[in-house]
């Protein structure tokens, strides 16, 4: 349901394009790791994955499950709440491992949170946390790096600017691009695996940036 909603809403807000180094849907039992730049990018990523025939289980901050309507949608879709900084945090990895064993695709954000910048500019992914590497080590699942660019033009900055961004997006229709890289198996060492994954997603993000119209990645082609 979440992917279907995103697939309807995102084309209204912006011009989404998708590229992939491997044709067809993401293979069952894979982990998709994406860069996280905006409150809008989960919708962009889900819409893009649905374009390639994939509807993943999403790992997301547990606070979203308390949001009316959205919480019900997340629960109905079997998505996975992450209770960061609590004794329950590891339970999310166990739930993700079970979903992978069932042949689902799991979407995780390697950075584990949003950047603190308020400007609308895109930038390379910040440092990754170790959750992705630990999940890959637990399961042996292949990892698909995903780079998305343009979502900060939909939503970034203060609360007021984010609301204004969403309200004006149907008129501005900023360019959005998602690129799926070649699947890889991460090294066993957690530190090395985290670095490898970060590099792969950064490469995918740079490819996504190159697919946007000139200057779209700088945020200069549209009103702030």
N, C-alpha and C. Protein backbone atom coordinates (compact mmCIF):
# COMPACT_ATOMS: atom_id res chain seq x y z
N UNK A 1 0.83 -1.21 0.00
CA UNK A 1 0.00 0.00 0.00
C UNK A 1 0.86 1.26 0.00
N UNK A 2 1.94 1.25 0.81
CA UNK A 2 2.81 2.42 0.90
C UNK A 2 3.44 2.74 -0.45
N UNK A 3 3.91 1.71 -1.14
CA UNK A 3 4.53 1.91 -2.46
C UNK A 3 3.50 2.42 -3.47
N UNK A 4 2.27 1.91 -3.38
CA UNK A 4 1.24 2.35 -4.32
C UNK A 4 0.90 3.82 -4.10
N UNK A 5 0.82 4.22 -2.82
CA UNK A 5 0.54 5.63 -2.51
C UNK A 5 1.65 6.51 -3.06
N UNK A 6 2.90 6.10 -2.83
CA UNK A 6 4.04 6.88 -3.32
C UNK A 6 4.02 6.98 -4.84
N UNK A 7 3.66 5.88 -5.50
CA UNK A 7 3.65 5.86 -6.96
C UNK A 7 2.61 6.82 -7.53
N UNK A 8 1.56 7.11 -6.78
CA UNK A 8 0.54 8.06 -7.22
C UNK A 8 0.96 9.50 -6.90
N UNK A 9 1.50 9.73 -5.70
CA UNK A 9 1.77 11.09 -5.25
C UNK A 9 3.03 11.69 -5.86
N UNK A 10 4.10 10.91 -5.95
CA UNK A 10 5.38 11.48 -6.38
C UNK A 10 5.32 12.10 -7.78
N UNK A 11 4.68 11.47 -8.78
CA UNK A 11 4.61 12.11 -10.10
C UNK A 11 3.85 13.42 -10.11
N UNK A 12 2.99 13.63 -9.10
CA UNK A 12 2.28 14.90 -8.99
C UNK A 12 3.23 15.99 -8.48
N UNK A 13 4.15 15.59 -7.60
CA UNK A 13 5.04 16.55 -6.96
C UNK A 13 6.28 16.87 -7.79
N UNK A 14 6.75 15.91 -8.58
CA UNK A 14 7.98 16.13 -9.32
C UNK A 14 8.08 15.21 -10.52
N UNK A 15 9.18 15.36 -11.27
CA UNK A 15 9.41 14.57 -12.47
C UNK A 15 10.42 13.48 -12.14
N UNK A 16 9.92 12.28 -11.89
CA UNK A 16 10.76 11.18 -11.44
C UNK A 16 11.26 10.35 -12.62
N UNK A 17 12.56 10.10 -12.64
CA UNK A 17 13.15 9.17 -13.59
C UNK A 17 14.00 8.17 -12.84
N UNK A 18 14.18 7.00 -13.43
CA UNK A 18 14.87 5.89 -12.76
C UNK A 18 15.84 5.24 -13.74
N UNK A 19 17.01 4.89 -13.24
CA UNK A 19 17.96 4.10 -14.03
C UNK A 19 18.47 2.97 -13.16
N UNK A 20 18.90 1.90 -13.81
CA UNK A 20 19.37 0.73 -13.07
C UNK A 20 20.44 0.02 -13.87
N UNK A 21 21.45 -0.47 -13.15
CA UNK A 21 22.52 -1.22 -13.81
C UNK A 21 22.14 -2.68 -14.03
N UNK A 22 21.04 -3.11 -13.41
CA UNK A 22 20.54 -4.47 -13.60
C UNK A 22 19.07 -4.37 -13.98
N UNK A 23 18.66 -4.87 -15.14
CA UNK A 23 17.27 -4.74 -15.55
C UNK A 23 16.33 -5.57 -14.68
N UNK A 24 15.08 -5.13 -14.61
CA UNK A 24 14.06 -5.91 -13.91
C UNK A 24 14.01 -5.59 -12.43
N UNK A 25 13.14 -6.31 -11.70
CA UNK A 25 12.98 -6.08 -10.26
C UNK A 25 14.24 -6.43 -9.48
N UNK A 26 14.35 -5.87 -8.28
CA UNK A 26 15.41 -6.27 -7.36
C UNK A 26 15.18 -7.72 -6.97
N UNK A 27 16.23 -8.51 -6.92
CA UNK A 27 16.10 -9.94 -6.61
C UNK A 27 15.52 -10.15 -5.22
N UNK A 28 14.60 -11.11 -5.06
CA UNK A 28 14.06 -11.42 -3.74
C UNK A 28 15.19 -11.72 -2.74
N UNK A 29 14.98 -11.32 -1.50
CA UNK A 29 15.98 -11.57 -0.47
C UNK A 29 17.16 -10.63 -0.51
N UNK A 30 17.00 -9.48 -1.18
CA UNK A 30 18.08 -8.49 -1.26
C UNK A 30 17.83 -7.34 -0.29
N UNK A 31 18.93 -6.68 0.08
CA UNK A 31 18.87 -5.45 0.87
C UNK A 31 19.13 -4.28 -0.06
N UNK A 32 18.22 -3.32 -0.10
CA UNK A 32 18.45 -2.08 -0.84
C UNK A 32 18.88 -1.03 0.18
N UNK A 33 20.03 -0.41 -0.04
CA UNK A 33 20.50 0.64 0.86
C UNK A 33 20.53 1.96 0.12
N UNK A 34 19.85 2.98 0.68
CA UNK A 34 19.69 4.27 0.01
C UNK A 34 20.28 5.39 0.83
N UNK A 35 20.59 6.49 0.16
CA UNK A 35 20.99 7.70 0.88
C UNK A 35 19.75 8.45 1.34
N UNK A 36 19.86 9.12 2.48
CA UNK A 36 18.71 9.78 3.11
C UNK A 36 19.01 11.27 3.17
N UNK A 37 18.23 12.08 2.45
CA UNK A 37 18.51 13.50 2.39
C UNK A 37 17.33 14.39 2.77
N UNK A 38 16.11 13.82 2.80
CA UNK A 38 14.92 14.64 2.96
C UNK A 38 13.77 13.80 3.48
N UNK A 39 12.81 14.46 4.12
CA UNK A 39 11.60 13.76 4.53
C UNK A 39 10.84 13.22 3.33
N UNK A 40 11.11 13.80 2.15
CA UNK A 40 10.40 13.38 0.94
C UNK A 40 11.01 12.16 0.28
N UNK A 41 12.28 11.86 0.56
CA UNK A 41 12.93 10.84 -0.27
C UNK A 41 12.43 9.41 -0.06
N UNK A 42 11.86 9.03 1.10
CA UNK A 42 11.28 7.68 1.16
C UNK A 42 10.19 7.47 0.10
N UNK A 43 9.35 8.49 -0.10
CA UNK A 43 8.33 8.38 -1.13
C UNK A 43 8.93 8.28 -2.52
N UNK A 44 9.97 9.08 -2.77
CA UNK A 44 10.65 9.05 -4.06
C UNK A 44 11.25 7.67 -4.31
N UNK A 45 11.92 7.13 -3.29
CA UNK A 45 12.56 5.82 -3.43
C UNK A 45 11.53 4.72 -3.64
N UNK A 46 10.44 4.75 -2.88
CA UNK A 46 9.41 3.72 -3.03
C UNK A 46 8.75 3.80 -4.41
N UNK A 47 8.50 5.00 -4.90
CA UNK A 47 7.91 5.15 -6.23
C UNK A 47 8.86 4.62 -7.30
N UNK A 48 10.15 4.91 -7.13
CA UNK A 48 11.14 4.44 -8.10
C UNK A 48 11.25 2.92 -8.08
N UNK A 49 11.28 2.33 -6.90
CA UNK A 49 11.37 0.87 -6.81
C UNK A 49 10.13 0.20 -7.41
N UNK A 50 8.98 0.82 -7.22
CA UNK A 50 7.77 0.24 -7.81
C UNK A 50 7.84 0.29 -9.34
N UNK A 51 8.52 1.31 -9.88
CA UNK A 51 8.69 1.39 -11.33
C UNK A 51 9.48 0.20 -11.88
N UNK A 52 10.38 -0.36 -11.05
CA UNK A 52 11.16 -1.51 -11.49
C UNK A 52 10.59 -2.82 -10.95
N UNK A 53 9.35 -2.76 -10.44
CA UNK A 53 8.66 -3.98 -10.03
C UNK A 53 9.01 -4.48 -8.66
N UNK A 54 9.42 -3.58 -7.75
CA UNK A 54 9.83 -3.99 -6.42
C UNK A 54 9.07 -3.20 -5.36
N UNK A 55 8.49 -3.90 -4.39
CA UNK A 55 7.82 -3.25 -3.26
C UNK A 55 8.48 -3.76 -1.98
N UNK A 56 9.39 -2.97 -1.39
CA UNK A 56 10.18 -3.47 -0.27
C UNK A 56 9.50 -3.32 1.08
N UNK A 57 10.06 -4.03 2.04
CA UNK A 57 9.78 -3.78 3.45
C UNK A 57 10.74 -2.67 3.87
N UNK A 58 10.23 -1.65 4.53
CA UNK A 58 11.04 -0.49 4.88
C UNK A 58 11.42 -0.53 6.35
N UNK A 59 12.70 -0.30 6.65
CA UNK A 59 13.15 -0.09 8.02
C UNK A 59 13.15 1.42 8.26
N UNK A 60 12.40 1.87 9.27
CA UNK A 60 12.26 3.31 9.51
C UNK A 60 12.15 3.58 11.00
N UNK A 61 12.41 4.83 11.38
CA UNK A 61 12.34 5.20 12.78
C UNK A 61 10.97 4.89 13.38
N UNK A 62 10.98 4.33 14.59
CA UNK A 62 9.75 3.84 15.21
C UNK A 62 8.72 4.94 15.45
N UNK A 63 9.16 6.20 15.53
CA UNK A 63 8.22 7.28 15.77
C UNK A 63 7.16 7.41 14.70
N UNK A 64 7.47 6.96 13.49
CA UNK A 64 6.48 7.05 12.40
C UNK A 64 5.27 6.18 12.65
N UNK A 65 5.43 5.13 13.45
CA UNK A 65 4.32 4.24 13.74
C UNK A 65 3.28 4.91 14.65
N UNK A 66 3.66 6.04 15.26
CA UNK A 66 2.73 6.76 16.12
C UNK A 66 1.94 7.83 15.35
N UNK A 67 2.28 8.03 14.08
CA UNK A 67 1.58 9.03 13.28
C UNK A 67 0.24 8.44 12.81
N UNK A 68 -0.87 9.14 13.07
CA UNK A 68 -2.18 8.62 12.63
C UNK A 68 -2.19 8.32 11.14
N UNK A 69 -2.88 7.31 10.75
CA UNK A 69 -3.03 6.83 9.38
C UNK A 69 -1.72 6.21 8.88
N UNK A 70 -0.62 6.97 8.91
CA UNK A 70 0.66 6.42 8.44
C UNK A 70 1.05 5.20 9.26
N UNK A 71 0.85 5.27 10.56
CA UNK A 71 1.18 4.13 11.42
C UNK A 71 0.41 2.88 11.03
N UNK A 72 -0.87 3.05 10.70
CA UNK A 72 -1.69 1.91 10.28
C UNK A 72 -1.21 1.33 8.96
N UNK A 73 -0.82 2.23 8.05
CA UNK A 73 -0.31 1.78 6.75
C UNK A 73 0.99 1.00 6.93
N UNK A 74 1.87 1.50 7.79
CA UNK A 74 3.14 0.83 8.04
C UNK A 74 2.93 -0.54 8.66
N UNK A 75 2.04 -0.61 9.63
CA UNK A 75 1.77 -1.91 10.27
C UNK A 75 1.15 -2.89 9.27
N UNK A 76 0.22 -2.40 8.45
CA UNK A 76 -0.44 -3.27 7.48
C UNK A 76 0.54 -3.82 6.46
N UNK A 77 1.56 -3.04 6.13
CA UNK A 77 2.53 -3.46 5.12
C UNK A 77 3.66 -4.30 5.67
N UNK A 78 3.67 -4.53 6.98
CA UNK A 78 4.73 -5.35 7.56
C UNK A 78 6.07 -4.65 7.61
N UNK A 79 6.07 -3.32 7.59
CA UNK A 79 7.32 -2.57 7.65
C UNK A 79 7.92 -2.65 9.05
N UNK A 80 9.18 -2.29 9.18
CA UNK A 80 9.95 -2.61 10.38
C UNK A 80 10.33 -1.34 11.15
N UNK A 81 9.79 -1.16 12.39
CA UNK A 81 10.17 0.00 13.19
C UNK A 81 11.55 -0.19 13.81
N UNK A 82 12.34 0.88 13.80
CA UNK A 82 13.67 0.85 14.41
C UNK A 82 13.65 1.74 15.64
N UNK A 83 13.82 1.13 16.81
CA UNK A 83 13.82 1.87 18.08
C UNK A 83 15.26 2.25 18.40
N UNK A 84 15.72 3.32 17.80
CA UNK A 84 17.13 3.70 17.95
C UNK A 84 17.45 4.06 19.40
N UNK A 85 18.62 3.64 19.84
CA UNK A 85 19.09 4.00 21.17
C UNK A 85 18.37 3.32 22.31
N UNK A 86 17.65 2.24 22.03
CA UNK A 86 16.94 1.50 23.08
C UNK A 86 17.36 0.04 23.05
N UNK A 87 16.91 -0.69 24.06
CA UNK A 87 17.21 -2.12 24.14
C UNK A 87 16.51 -2.90 23.03
N UNK A 88 15.54 -2.27 22.37
CA UNK A 88 14.77 -2.95 21.32
C UNK A 88 15.37 -2.74 19.93
N UNK A 89 16.46 -1.99 19.84
CA UNK A 89 17.01 -1.65 18.53
C UNK A 89 17.41 -2.88 17.73
N UNK A 90 17.99 -3.88 18.40
CA UNK A 90 18.46 -5.07 17.69
C UNK A 90 17.30 -5.90 17.13
N UNK A 91 16.11 -5.72 17.69
CA UNK A 91 14.95 -6.47 17.21
C UNK A 91 14.63 -6.14 15.76
N UNK A 92 14.97 -4.92 15.33
CA UNK A 92 14.71 -4.53 13.95
C UNK A 92 15.55 -5.36 12.99
N UNK A 93 16.80 -5.66 13.36
CA UNK A 93 17.66 -6.48 12.51
C UNK A 93 17.11 -7.90 12.42
N UNK A 94 16.60 -8.42 13.53
CA UNK A 94 16.01 -9.76 13.52
C UNK A 94 14.78 -9.80 12.61
N UNK A 95 13.95 -8.75 12.69
CA UNK A 95 12.76 -8.69 11.84
C UNK A 95 13.14 -8.56 10.38
N UNK A 96 14.18 -7.77 10.10
CA UNK A 96 14.64 -7.62 8.71
C UNK A 96 15.21 -8.93 8.19
N UNK A 97 15.95 -9.67 9.03
CA UNK A 97 16.50 -10.96 8.62
C UNK A 97 15.38 -11.94 8.30
N UNK A 98 14.31 -11.91 9.09
CA UNK A 98 13.17 -12.79 8.82
C UNK A 98 12.49 -12.43 7.51
N UNK A 99 12.36 -11.13 7.24
CA UNK A 99 11.75 -10.70 5.97
C UNK A 99 12.60 -11.14 4.78
N UNK A 100 13.92 -11.04 4.90
CA UNK A 100 14.80 -11.48 3.83
C UNK A 100 14.67 -12.98 3.61
N UNK A 101 14.59 -13.73 4.70
CA UNK A 101 14.45 -15.19 4.60
C UNK A 101 13.14 -15.57 3.91
N UNK A 102 12.13 -14.71 4.04
CA UNK A 102 10.84 -14.95 3.38
C UNK A 102 10.83 -14.49 1.92
N UNK A 103 11.97 -13.99 1.44
CA UNK A 103 12.04 -13.55 0.06
C UNK A 103 11.64 -12.12 -0.18
N UNK A 104 11.46 -11.34 0.90
CA UNK A 104 11.15 -9.93 0.72
C UNK A 104 12.42 -9.13 0.45
N UNK A 105 12.26 -7.97 -0.15
CA UNK A 105 13.35 -7.01 -0.30
C UNK A 105 13.24 -6.02 0.85
N UNK A 106 14.35 -5.73 1.51
CA UNK A 106 14.37 -4.83 2.65
C UNK A 106 15.07 -3.53 2.26
N UNK A 107 14.42 -2.40 2.53
CA UNK A 107 15.00 -1.08 2.27
C UNK A 107 15.51 -0.49 3.57
N UNK A 108 16.79 -0.11 3.59
CA UNK A 108 17.40 0.47 4.78
C UNK A 108 18.13 1.74 4.38
N UNK A 109 18.15 2.70 5.28
CA UNK A 109 18.92 3.93 5.07
C UNK A 109 20.22 3.82 5.85
N UNK A 110 21.35 3.77 5.11
CA UNK A 110 22.64 3.54 5.75
C UNK A 110 23.03 4.61 6.74
N UNK A 111 22.62 5.86 6.48
CA UNK A 111 23.01 6.95 7.38
C UNK A 111 22.24 6.93 8.69
N UNK A 112 21.08 6.29 8.69
CA UNK A 112 20.30 6.17 9.91
C UNK A 112 19.60 7.44 10.35
N UNK A 113 19.60 8.47 9.53
CA UNK A 113 18.95 9.72 9.89
C UNK A 113 19.16 10.76 8.81
N UNK A 114 18.52 11.91 8.99
CA UNK A 114 18.60 12.99 8.01
C UNK A 114 19.77 13.93 8.31
N UNK A 115 20.32 14.56 7.28
CA UNK A 115 21.36 15.57 7.52
C UNK A 115 20.78 16.77 8.26
N UNK A 116 21.60 17.46 9.01
CA UNK A 116 21.14 18.60 9.78
C UNK A 116 21.10 19.89 8.96
N UNK A 117 21.61 19.86 7.73
CA UNK A 117 21.58 21.04 6.88
C UNK A 117 20.15 21.46 6.55
N UNK A 118 19.93 22.74 6.39
CA UNK A 118 18.59 23.24 6.06
C UNK A 118 18.48 23.74 4.63
N UNK A 119 19.60 23.84 3.92
CA UNK A 119 19.54 24.35 2.55
C UNK A 119 18.95 23.27 1.63
N UNK A 120 18.52 23.66 0.42
CA UNK A 120 17.89 22.71 -0.50
C UNK A 120 18.88 21.96 -1.40
N UNK A 121 20.18 22.10 -1.13
CA UNK A 121 21.17 21.50 -2.01
C UNK A 121 21.34 20.02 -1.74
N UNK A 122 21.61 19.25 -2.78
CA UNK A 122 21.96 17.85 -2.62
C UNK A 122 23.44 17.74 -2.29
N UNK A 123 23.79 16.72 -1.53
CA UNK A 123 25.18 16.47 -1.18
C UNK A 123 25.39 14.98 -1.04
N UNK A 124 26.65 14.57 -1.11
CA UNK A 124 26.97 13.15 -1.00
C UNK A 124 26.51 12.60 0.35
N UNK A 125 26.21 11.30 0.42
CA UNK A 125 25.77 10.70 1.67
C UNK A 125 26.79 10.90 2.80
N UNK A 126 26.28 11.13 4.00
CA UNK A 126 27.16 11.23 5.16
C UNK A 126 27.53 9.82 5.63
N UNK A 127 28.32 9.74 6.70
CA UNK A 127 28.83 8.46 7.18
C UNK A 127 27.69 7.49 7.51
N UNK A 128 27.91 6.21 7.23
CA UNK A 128 26.92 5.18 7.51
C UNK A 128 27.08 4.65 8.94
N UNK A 129 25.96 4.21 9.49
CA UNK A 129 26.00 3.43 10.73
C UNK A 129 26.27 1.97 10.37
N UNK A 130 26.39 1.14 11.38
CA UNK A 130 26.80 -0.26 11.13
C UNK A 130 25.63 -1.21 10.93
N UNK A 131 24.38 -0.72 11.03
CA UNK A 131 23.23 -1.62 10.95
C UNK A 131 23.18 -2.42 9.66
N UNK A 132 23.42 -1.75 8.55
CA UNK A 132 23.40 -2.44 7.25
C UNK A 132 24.44 -3.56 7.22
N UNK A 133 25.67 -3.26 7.63
CA UNK A 133 26.74 -4.26 7.60
C UNK A 133 26.41 -5.44 8.50
N UNK A 134 25.82 -5.16 9.66
CA UNK A 134 25.47 -6.25 10.57
C UNK A 134 24.35 -7.12 10.00
N UNK A 135 23.37 -6.47 9.33
CA UNK A 135 22.29 -7.23 8.72
C UNK A 135 22.83 -8.10 7.58
N UNK A 136 23.70 -7.55 6.76
CA UNK A 136 24.29 -8.32 5.66
C UNK A 136 25.12 -9.49 6.20
N UNK A 137 25.84 -9.26 7.30
CA UNK A 137 26.65 -10.32 7.88
C UNK A 137 25.78 -11.43 8.46
N UNK A 138 24.64 -11.06 9.05
CA UNK A 138 23.72 -12.03 9.63
C UNK A 138 23.10 -12.93 8.58
N UNK A 139 22.83 -12.34 7.42
CA UNK A 139 21.99 -13.03 6.43
C UNK A 139 22.72 -13.47 5.17
N UNK A 140 23.86 -12.85 4.88
CA UNK A 140 24.54 -13.13 3.62
C UNK A 140 23.81 -12.57 2.41
N UNK A 141 22.85 -11.68 2.65
CA UNK A 141 22.04 -11.14 1.55
C UNK A 141 22.85 -10.19 0.68
N UNK A 142 22.58 -10.19 -0.63
CA UNK A 142 23.22 -9.21 -1.51
C UNK A 142 22.69 -7.81 -1.21
N UNK A 143 23.53 -6.83 -1.44
CA UNK A 143 23.18 -5.43 -1.15
C UNK A 143 23.13 -4.65 -2.46
N UNK A 144 22.02 -3.94 -2.66
CA UNK A 144 21.84 -3.13 -3.87
C UNK A 144 21.97 -1.66 -3.48
N UNK A 145 23.03 -0.97 -3.93
CA UNK A 145 23.18 0.45 -3.60
C UNK A 145 22.22 1.31 -4.42
N UNK A 146 21.57 2.24 -3.75
CA UNK A 146 20.61 3.12 -4.41
C UNK A 146 20.97 4.56 -4.10
N UNK A 147 21.09 5.37 -5.13
CA UNK A 147 21.31 6.80 -4.95
C UNK A 147 20.13 7.59 -5.46
N UNK A 148 19.64 8.52 -4.65
CA UNK A 148 18.55 9.37 -5.09
C UNK A 148 18.99 10.82 -4.98
N UNK A 149 18.54 11.63 -5.93
CA UNK A 149 18.93 13.04 -5.98
C UNK A 149 17.72 13.87 -6.39
N UNK A 150 17.55 15.01 -5.72
CA UNK A 150 16.46 15.91 -6.06
C UNK A 150 15.39 16.04 -5.00
N UNK A 151 15.33 15.09 -4.06
CA UNK A 151 14.25 15.11 -3.08
C UNK A 151 14.30 16.33 -2.16
N UNK A 152 15.48 16.90 -1.96
CA UNK A 152 15.56 18.09 -1.12
C UNK A 152 14.86 19.29 -1.77
N UNK A 153 14.65 19.22 -3.08
CA UNK A 153 13.89 20.28 -3.74
C UNK A 153 12.40 20.16 -3.44
N UNK A 154 11.98 18.99 -2.97
CA UNK A 154 10.59 18.82 -2.55
C UNK A 154 10.41 19.27 -1.11
N UNK A 155 11.37 18.92 -0.25
CA UNK A 155 11.22 19.20 1.17
C UNK A 155 12.58 19.33 1.83
N UNK A 156 12.86 20.50 2.39
CA UNK A 156 14.07 20.72 3.18
C UNK A 156 13.91 22.02 3.96
N UNK A 157 14.76 22.22 4.93
CA UNK A 157 14.73 23.44 5.71
C UNK A 157 13.83 23.36 6.93
N UNK A 158 13.38 24.51 7.39
CA UNK A 158 12.52 24.59 8.57
C UNK A 158 11.17 23.94 8.28
N UNK A 159 10.38 23.75 9.34
CA UNK A 159 9.05 23.15 9.17
C UNK A 159 8.21 23.97 8.18
N UNK A 160 8.26 25.28 8.32
CA UNK A 160 7.48 26.15 7.43
C UNK A 160 7.92 25.99 5.97
N UNK A 161 9.26 25.90 5.76
CA UNK A 161 9.76 25.75 4.40
C UNK A 161 9.43 24.38 3.83
N UNK A 162 9.41 23.37 4.68
CA UNK A 162 9.05 22.04 4.19
C UNK A 162 7.59 22.00 3.75
N UNK A 163 6.73 22.60 4.54
CA UNK A 163 5.31 22.66 4.17
C UNK A 163 5.13 23.45 2.87
N UNK A 164 5.84 24.58 2.78
CA UNK A 164 5.76 25.39 1.56
C UNK A 164 6.31 24.64 0.37
N UNK A 165 7.37 23.87 0.59
CA UNK A 165 7.95 23.09 -0.50
C UNK A 165 6.97 22.08 -1.06
N UNK A 166 6.30 21.34 -0.17
CA UNK A 166 5.31 20.37 -0.63
C UNK A 166 4.14 21.06 -1.32
N UNK A 167 3.72 22.21 -0.77
CA UNK A 167 2.56 22.92 -1.34
C UNK A 167 2.83 23.43 -2.75
N UNK A 168 4.07 23.87 -3.00
CA UNK A 168 4.39 24.45 -4.30
C UNK A 168 4.98 23.44 -5.29
N UNK A 169 5.31 22.25 -4.81
CA UNK A 169 5.94 21.25 -5.68
C UNK A 169 5.13 20.94 -6.94
N UNK A 170 3.79 20.79 -6.86
CA UNK A 170 3.04 20.49 -8.09
C UNK A 170 3.18 21.56 -9.17
N UNK A 171 3.49 22.79 -8.76
CA UNK A 171 3.72 23.85 -9.74
C UNK A 171 5.16 23.84 -10.24
N UNK A 172 6.10 23.62 -9.32
CA UNK A 172 7.52 23.62 -9.70
C UNK A 172 7.93 22.32 -10.38
N UNK A 173 7.39 21.21 -9.92
CA UNK A 173 7.70 19.87 -10.40
C UNK A 173 9.20 19.67 -10.62
N UNK A 174 9.96 19.68 -9.52
CA UNK A 174 11.42 19.52 -9.65
C UNK A 174 11.78 18.14 -10.18
N UNK A 175 12.93 18.08 -10.82
CA UNK A 175 13.43 16.81 -11.35
C UNK A 175 13.95 15.95 -10.21
N UNK A 176 13.64 14.66 -10.27
CA UNK A 176 14.06 13.68 -9.27
C UNK A 176 14.64 12.48 -10.02
N UNK A 177 15.73 11.95 -9.54
CA UNK A 177 16.27 10.76 -10.20
C UNK A 177 16.75 9.76 -9.16
N UNK A 178 16.48 8.49 -9.44
CA UNK A 178 16.93 7.38 -8.59
C UNK A 178 17.73 6.42 -9.45
N UNK A 179 18.91 6.06 -8.95
CA UNK A 179 19.77 5.11 -9.68
C UNK A 179 20.07 3.90 -8.81
N UNK A 180 19.84 2.71 -9.38
CA UNK A 180 20.15 1.45 -8.71
C UNK A 180 21.45 0.89 -9.26
N UNK A 181 22.41 0.66 -8.36
CA UNK A 181 23.69 0.12 -8.76
C UNK A 181 23.69 -1.39 -8.85
N UNK A 182 24.84 -1.95 -9.17
CA UNK A 182 25.00 -3.40 -9.27
C UNK A 182 25.03 -4.02 -7.88
N UNK A 183 24.27 -5.10 -7.65
CA UNK A 183 24.30 -5.76 -6.33
C UNK A 183 25.71 -6.21 -5.96
N UNK A 184 26.01 -6.20 -4.68
CA UNK A 184 27.31 -6.65 -4.21
C UNK A 184 27.15 -7.39 -2.89
N UNK A 185 28.13 -8.23 -2.58
CA UNK A 185 28.19 -8.88 -1.28
C UNK A 185 29.24 -8.16 -0.45
N UNK A 186 28.87 -7.72 0.74
CA UNK A 186 29.77 -6.95 1.57
C UNK A 186 30.80 -7.85 2.25
N UNK A 187 31.98 -7.29 2.56
CA UNK A 187 32.99 -8.06 3.31
C UNK A 187 32.47 -8.46 4.68
N UNK A 188 33.08 -9.46 5.28
CA UNK A 188 32.64 -9.94 6.59
C UNK A 188 32.94 -8.93 7.70
N UNK A 189 34.06 -8.22 7.58
CA UNK A 189 34.43 -7.23 8.59
C UNK A 189 33.43 -6.07 8.58
N UNK A 190 32.87 -5.73 9.74
CA UNK A 190 31.80 -4.75 9.81
C UNK A 190 32.28 -3.36 9.39
N UNK A 191 33.46 -2.97 9.83
CA UNK A 191 33.97 -1.66 9.46
C UNK A 191 34.23 -1.57 7.97
N UNK A 192 34.87 -2.59 7.42
CA UNK A 192 35.14 -2.61 5.98
C UNK A 192 33.84 -2.65 5.18
N UNK A 193 32.87 -3.44 5.67
CA UNK A 193 31.59 -3.55 4.98
C UNK A 193 30.86 -2.21 4.96
N UNK A 194 30.90 -1.51 6.08
CA UNK A 194 30.24 -0.20 6.16
C UNK A 194 30.87 0.79 5.19
N UNK A 195 32.20 0.78 5.11
CA UNK A 195 32.90 1.67 4.18
C UNK A 195 32.58 1.31 2.73
N UNK A 196 32.55 0.01 2.44
CA UNK A 196 32.25 -0.45 1.08
C UNK A 196 30.86 -0.02 0.65
N UNK A 197 29.89 -0.20 1.54
CA UNK A 197 28.51 0.16 1.23
C UNK A 197 28.38 1.67 1.03
N UNK A 198 29.04 2.44 1.87
CA UNK A 198 28.98 3.90 1.75
C UNK A 198 29.54 4.34 0.40
N UNK A 199 30.65 3.76 0.00
CA UNK A 199 31.25 4.10 -1.29
C UNK A 199 30.31 3.75 -2.44
N UNK A 200 29.66 2.59 -2.36
CA UNK A 200 28.76 2.15 -3.44
C UNK A 200 27.55 3.06 -3.55
N UNK A 201 26.98 3.47 -2.42
CA UNK A 201 25.82 4.36 -2.45
C UNK A 201 26.23 5.76 -2.92
N UNK A 202 27.40 6.21 -2.51
CA UNK A 202 27.90 7.50 -2.98
C UNK A 202 28.06 7.49 -4.50
N UNK A 203 28.59 6.41 -5.03
CA UNK A 203 28.73 6.27 -6.48
C UNK A 203 27.37 6.30 -7.17
N UNK A 204 26.40 5.59 -6.59
CA UNK A 204 25.04 5.58 -7.15
C UNK A 204 24.42 6.97 -7.08
N UNK A 205 24.68 7.67 -5.97
CA UNK A 205 24.15 9.03 -5.82
C UNK A 205 24.76 9.96 -6.88
N UNK A 206 26.04 9.83 -7.13
CA UNK A 206 26.68 10.68 -8.15
C UNK A 206 26.10 10.39 -9.54
N UNK A 207 25.79 9.13 -9.80
CA UNK A 207 25.17 8.79 -11.07
C UNK A 207 23.78 9.41 -11.17
N UNK A 208 23.02 9.35 -10.08
CA UNK A 208 21.69 9.97 -10.06
C UNK A 208 21.79 11.47 -10.31
N UNK A 209 22.77 12.11 -9.68
CA UNK A 209 22.96 13.55 -9.85
C UNK A 209 23.25 13.89 -11.32
N UNK A 210 24.02 13.05 -11.98
CA UNK A 210 24.38 13.29 -13.38
C UNK A 210 23.18 13.15 -14.32
N UNK A 211 22.16 12.39 -13.88
CA UNK A 211 20.97 12.21 -14.72
C UNK A 211 20.01 13.41 -14.65
N UNK A 212 20.20 14.26 -13.65
CA UNK A 212 19.32 15.42 -13.54
C UNK A 212 19.76 16.51 -14.51
N UNK A 213 18.84 17.41 -14.88
CA UNK A 213 19.24 18.53 -15.74
C UNK A 213 20.37 19.31 -15.10
N UNK A 214 21.20 19.93 -15.90
CA UNK A 214 22.31 20.71 -15.39
C UNK A 214 21.84 21.69 -14.34
N UNK A 215 22.58 21.75 -13.23
CA UNK A 215 22.32 22.63 -12.11
C UNK A 215 21.20 22.14 -11.21
N UNK A 216 20.47 21.04 -11.57
CA UNK A 216 19.41 20.55 -10.68
C UNK A 216 20.02 20.07 -9.38
N UNK A 217 21.20 19.48 -9.45
CA UNK A 217 21.83 18.99 -8.24
C UNK A 217 22.31 20.11 -7.33
N UNK A 218 22.46 21.34 -7.85
CA UNK A 218 22.94 22.44 -7.04
C UNK A 218 21.81 23.21 -6.38
N UNK A 219 20.58 22.93 -6.82
CA UNK A 219 19.45 23.64 -6.26
C UNK A 219 19.29 25.05 -6.83
N UNK A 220 20.04 25.41 -7.89
CA UNK A 220 20.00 26.76 -8.41
C UNK A 220 18.99 26.95 -9.53
N UNK A 221 18.41 25.83 -9.99
CA UNK A 221 17.51 25.96 -11.14
C UNK A 221 16.07 26.22 -10.74
N UNK A 222 15.81 26.25 -9.43
CA UNK A 222 14.45 26.47 -8.97
C UNK A 222 14.47 27.41 -7.78
N UNK A 223 13.34 28.02 -7.51
CA UNK A 223 13.27 28.92 -6.37
C UNK A 223 13.48 28.15 -5.08
N UNK A 224 14.18 28.76 -4.14
CA UNK A 224 14.43 28.10 -2.85
C UNK A 224 13.17 28.14 -2.01
